[in-house]
Amino acid sequence: MSDRPSEWDKYLLGSVLFISLLIGGGTASGLYTDTLIQVVVIISAAVVFSQTSGQRISRSVLWLLIFAVALIVLQIVPLPAAIFDGVRPKLLLGDARLIGIPPFRFVSVGVGRTVECLFFLLASAAFFLSVLRLRSEQVSALLPFFFIGVICNGLAGSIQYSLSDNIAIVGLLPFTINAGLFANVNHFSALLFVSIPFVVYYGLFRGHLLSGSVGLIALLLLLLAAGSRAGVLIGLAITILSVVFLSARSRASGLTILLIFTGLTAYTIGAWTKIDADALDPAFGRG
């Protein structure tokens, strides 16, 4: 019998992460893809926690997640209506002549959506806690699953932006795909700039400088192509911080850092053209 520890939990959670990045880009309420991801996450987390062995989870992390869940639960607990008098606008209290004066009210003005957010938080917390149960080398091994999901979104975004400035894919998923595999361009941009520290780490600490540099350039170009001003700015800030902090702890040569900052300079020029452009948002009429 082999003494080598099992790796199935790593592949299980990695597959869940990949599926989430592949079909979890919707923004509408009641999508079956979101429900599917939540069910898979909770079942996978339960399987991981069923193991007798595993890393211990810090109590501070547990208390933080308990506090976050309690904060949402508090919003759907009936409270005396007198608490809200003078605090909540009359428009949200409703007309007492039509609905009467209810003895109890909720903090949330949209209980259904709050319950939906609670399930999202529970699924995220379950996945996070199950990852903390893994060994450190298993946690690092989740990175390829994350990269594959980002690459799939990047390829989808590249195809879209190469065809047209505004292309929508309908019928593939239960929501309209507008950027990458996401319904919202800002959410797609968020995935891109969240990936930047991992790509920099992969290039500087794993010895894959060439592929890491290509990946970083691709992410920055996609951020510019997506056109989200917030995404462009946050991507620039995260790239600078990642290079400064991670390069100081790595053995990267000075020439490598110089080349990275040269590329960042070019990206900054492209970012400025996006921010400086005087455009009007057709949906909200904002500048």
Foldseek 3Di string as FASTA:
>chain_A
DDPDDDLVLLVLLLVLLLLCLQFVFEDDPPFVSVVVSLVSLLVSLVVLVVDPAFDDDDVVLVVVLVVVLVVLVQQPDWDAPVVCVPPDDPVLLDDCVVVNHDRTDGNDSCNVVSVVVSSVSVSVSSSVVSLRRHDPVSNVVSVVSLVVSLVQLLVQQVVVLVVHLWDWDPDPGPEIQTGRSHNDLVVNLVSLLVCLLVLLCCLFPVVVVPVSVVSLLSSLVSQLSSLDLVSLVSSLVSNVVSLVVVVVVGPDDPVSSVVSVVVSVVSVVSSCVSVVDDDADPVPRHD
